[in-house]
Amino acid sequence: MGTMFYGGEMTPIRIDDRALAHLKVVIATKLRRGESFTVSWRHAADEPPGRSTIWVHPSIPLRFVFDDPEPAVLSRAWVEELANSANSSGGIMLVPEQLDTSPAAPGATPQR
């Protein structure tokens, strides 16, 4: 389970390492362009029910902490899905990864 620290908040935002790795790529791309946006997610099963949203702005400190010392192999499809939602008026909605269950193309790299 990874952690995202946002702004001056000392309360960590806990997100699965794999999801956080994908989210980090999309957030970094948006911030590099100087764009502000929202990020929303459903609360984990061990938290009170509900969802949260934060406003992400280039001037607000942001830190990603991963439990796994090795970087995740990224899914292009998931990054694209998150990036598409980032460009919508609703902002990024952290959705579960949709695994491709179709037979792999010859030479394709399996996803972890």
C-alpha atoms as a PDB file:
ATOM      1  CA  MET A   1       0.000   0.000   0.000  1.00  0.00           C
ATOM      2  CA  GLY A   2       1.483   3.320  -1.081  1.00  0.00           C
ATOM      3  CA  THR A   3       0.928   6.726   0.447  1.00  0.00           C
ATOM      4  CA  MET A   4       0.356  10.157  -1.026  1.00  0.00           C
ATOM      5  CA  PHE A   5       0.944  13.237   1.125  1.00  0.00           C
ATOM      6  CA  TYR A   6      -0.753  16.379  -0.160  1.00  0.00           C
ATOM      7  CA  GLY A   7      -0.112  19.952   0.921  1.00  0.00           C
ATOM      8  CA  GLY A   8       0.392  20.575   4.612  1.00  0.00           C
ATOM      9  CA  GLU A   9      -1.846  17.667   5.543  1.00  0.00           C
ATOM     10  CA  MET A  10      -0.125  15.166   7.774  1.00  0.00           C
ATOM     11  CA  THR A  11      -2.920  12.663   7.127  1.00  0.00           C
ATOM     12  CA  PRO A  12      -1.708  10.192   4.498  1.00  0.00           C
ATOM     13  CA  ILE A  13      -3.820   9.188   1.537  1.00  0.00           C
ATOM     14  CA  ARG A  14      -3.374   5.400   1.262  1.00  0.00           C
ATOM     15  CA  ILE A  15      -3.511   3.997  -2.265  1.00  0.00           C
ATOM     16  CA  ASP A  16      -2.376   0.633  -3.594  1.00  0.00           C
ATOM     17  CA  ASP A  17       1.238   0.886  -4.882  1.00  0.00           C
ATOM     18  CA  ARG A  18       0.288  -0.135  -8.416  1.00  0.00           C
ATOM     19  CA  ALA A  19      -2.565   2.365  -8.623  1.00  0.00           C
ATOM     20  CA  LEU A  20      -0.379   5.077  -7.086  1.00  0.00           C
ATOM     21  CA  ALA A  21       2.339   4.471  -9.691  1.00  0.00           C
ATOM     22  CA  HIS A  22      -0.157   5.036 -12.501  1.00  0.00           C
ATOM     23  CA  LEU A  23      -1.705   8.027 -10.775  1.00  0.00           C
ATOM     24  CA  LYS A  24       1.750   9.561 -10.238  1.00  0.00           C
ATOM     25  CA  VAL A  25       2.498   9.486 -13.981  1.00  0.00           C
ATOM     26  CA  VAL A  26      -0.742  11.285 -14.858  1.00  0.00           C
ATOM     27  CA  ILE A  27      -0.441  13.825 -12.021  1.00  0.00           C
ATOM     28  CA  ALA A  28       3.192  14.604 -12.893  1.00  0.00           C
ATOM     29  CA  THR A  29       2.274  15.154 -16.540  1.00  0.00           C
ATOM     30  CA  LYS A  30      -0.544  17.550 -15.643  1.00  0.00           C
ATOM     31  CA  LEU A  31       1.583  19.467 -13.120  1.00  0.00           C
ATOM     32  CA  ARG A  32       4.513  19.712 -15.546  1.00  0.00           C
ATOM     33  CA  ARG A  33       2.114  21.544 -17.878  1.00  0.00           C
ATOM     34  CA  GLY A  34       1.077  23.862 -15.027  1.00  0.00           C
ATOM     35  CA  GLU A  35      -2.480  22.487 -15.006  1.00  0.00           C
ATOM     36  CA  SER A  36      -4.744  22.268 -11.944  1.00  0.00           C
ATOM     37  CA  PHE A  37      -7.347  19.506 -11.589  1.00  0.00           C
ATOM     38  CA  THR A  38      -9.149  17.303  -9.084  1.00  0.00           C
ATOM     39  CA  VAL A  39      -8.392  13.720  -8.057  1.00  0.00           C
ATOM     40  CA  SER A  40     -11.183  11.596  -6.606  1.00  0.00           C
ATOM     41  CA  TRP A  41     -11.185   8.083  -5.147  1.00  0.00           C
ATOM     42  CA  ARG A  42     -13.406   5.721  -3.195  1.00  0.00           C
ATOM     43  CA  HIS A  43     -12.367   5.040   0.379  1.00  0.00           C
ATOM     44  CA  ALA A  44     -10.661   1.739   1.096  1.00  0.00           C
ATOM     45  CA  ALA A  45     -12.625  -1.075   2.729  1.00  0.00           C
ATOM     46  CA  ASP A  46     -10.904  -0.456   6.092  1.00  0.00           C
ATOM     47  CA  GLU A  47     -11.975   3.230   6.118  1.00  0.00           C
ATOM     48  CA  PRO A  48     -15.394   4.793   6.694  1.00  0.00           C
ATOM     49  CA  PRO A  49     -17.541   4.440   3.539  1.00  0.00           C
ATOM     50  CA  GLY A  50     -17.462   7.258   1.020  1.00  0.00           C
ATOM     51  CA  ARG A  51     -15.170   9.018  -1.386  1.00  0.00           C
ATOM     52  CA  SER A  52     -12.763  11.928  -1.309  1.00  0.00           C
ATOM     53  CA  THR A  53     -11.616  14.608  -3.755  1.00  0.00           C
ATOM     54  CA  ILE A  54      -8.590  16.885  -3.609  1.00  0.00           C
ATOM     55  CA  TRP A  55      -7.767  19.932  -5.740  1.00  0.00           C
ATOM     56  CA  VAL A  56      -4.272  19.511  -7.179  1.00  0.00           C
ATOM     57  CA  HIS A  57      -2.332  22.665  -8.053  1.00  0.00           C
ATOM     58  CA  PRO A  58       1.332  23.036  -9.100  1.00  0.00           C
ATOM     59  CA  SER A  59       2.107  25.230  -6.061  1.00  0.00           C
ATOM     60  CA  ILE A  60       0.871  22.669  -3.492  1.00  0.00           C
ATOM     61  CA  PRO A  61       3.495  20.174  -2.240  1.00  0.00           C
ATOM     62  CA  LEU A  62       2.866  16.552  -3.145  1.00  0.00           C
ATOM     63  CA  ARG A  63       4.835  13.444  -2.175  1.00  0.00           C
ATOM     64  CA  PHE A  64       4.416   9.817  -3.230  1.00  0.00           C
ATOM     65  CA  VAL A  65       5.740   7.014  -1.001  1.00  0.00           C
ATOM     66  CA  PHE A  66       5.751   3.422  -2.245  1.00  0.00           C
ATOM     67  CA  ASP A  67       6.049   0.330  -0.047  1.00  0.00           C
ATOM     68  CA  ASP A  68       7.530  -1.717  -2.902  1.00  0.00           C
ATOM     69  CA  PRO A  69      11.132  -0.663  -3.617  1.00  0.00           C
ATOM     70  CA  GLU A  70      10.809  -1.737  -7.280  1.00  0.00           C
ATOM     71  CA  PRO A  71       8.800   0.436  -9.692  1.00  0.00           C
ATOM     72  CA  ALA A  72       5.613  -1.102 -11.071  1.00  0.00           C
ATOM     73  CA  VAL A  73       5.356  -2.131 -14.704  1.00  0.00           C
ATOM     74  CA  LEU A  74       2.846   0.365 -16.042  1.00  0.00           C
ATOM     75  CA  SER A  75      -0.213  -0.415 -18.110  1.00  0.00           C
ATOM     76  CA  ARG A  76      -0.474   2.015 -21.019  1.00  0.00           C
ATOM     77  CA  ALA A  77      -4.246   1.469 -21.167  1.00  0.00           C
ATOM     78  CA  TRP A  78      -4.707   2.375 -17.478  1.00  0.00           C
ATOM     79  CA  VAL A  79      -2.486   5.477 -17.778  1.00  0.00           C
ATOM     80  CA  GLU A  80      -4.498   6.557 -20.825  1.00  0.00           C
ATOM     81  CA  GLU A  81      -7.800   5.958 -19.012  1.00  0.00           C
ATOM     82  CA  LEU A  82      -6.661   8.057 -16.043  1.00  0.00           C
ATOM     83  CA  ALA A  83      -5.253  10.761 -18.356  1.00  0.00           C
ATOM     84  CA  ASN A  84      -8.550  10.947 -20.257  1.00  0.00           C
ATOM     85  CA  SER A  85     -10.438  11.438 -17.001  1.00  0.00           C
ATOM     86  CA  ALA A  86      -7.864  14.078 -15.948  1.00  0.00           C
ATOM     87  CA  ASN A  87      -8.759  16.088 -19.040  1.00  0.00           C
ATOM     88  CA  SER A  88     -12.489  15.955 -18.290  1.00  0.00           C
ATOM     89  CA  SER A  89     -14.407  18.504 -16.241  1.00  0.00           C
ATOM     90  CA  GLY A  90     -14.747  15.905 -13.454  1.00  0.00           C
ATOM     91  CA  GLY A  91     -10.985  15.468 -13.047  1.00  0.00           C
ATOM     92  CA  ILE A  92      -9.154  12.224 -12.380  1.00  0.00           C
ATOM     93  CA  MET A  93     -11.345   9.485 -10.978  1.00  0.00           C
ATOM     94  CA  LEU A  94      -9.109   6.713  -9.666  1.00  0.00           C
ATOM     95  CA  VAL A  95     -10.746   3.613 -11.091  1.00  0.00           C
ATOM     96  CA  PRO A  96      -9.557   0.008 -10.800  1.00  0.00           C
ATOM     97  CA  GLU A  97      -7.330  -1.332 -13.532  1.00  0.00           C
ATOM     98  CA  GLN A  98      -9.205  -3.197 -16.255  1.00  0.00           C
ATOM     99  CA  LEU A  99      -7.088  -6.244 -17.005  1.00  0.00           C
ATOM    100  CA  ASP A 100      -7.050  -7.405 -20.594  1.00  0.00           C
ATOM    101  CA  THR A 101      -8.113 -11.044 -20.507  1.00  0.00           C
ATOM    102  CA  SER A 102      -7.870 -11.552 -24.264  1.00  0.00           C
ATOM    103  CA  PRO A 103      -5.039 -13.740 -25.588  1.00  0.00           C
ATOM    104  CA  ALA A 104      -1.746 -11.838 -25.657  1.00  0.00           C
ATOM    105  CA  ALA A 105      -0.366 -10.797 -29.003  1.00  0.00           C
ATOM    106  CA  PRO A 106       2.901 -12.480 -30.012  1.00  0.00           C
ATOM    107  CA  GLY A 107       5.800 -10.677 -28.334  1.00  0.00           C
ATOM    108  CA  ALA A 108       3.540  -8.796 -25.901  1.00  0.00           C
ATOM    109  CA  THR A 109       4.884  -8.113 -22.432  1.00  0.00           C
ATOM    110  CA  PRO A 110       2.662  -9.579 -19.691  1.00  0.00           C
ATOM    111  CA  GLN A 111       1.316  -7.066 -17.147  1.00  0.00           C
ATOM    112  CA  ARG A 112       1.906  -7.472 -13.405  1.00  0.00           C
END
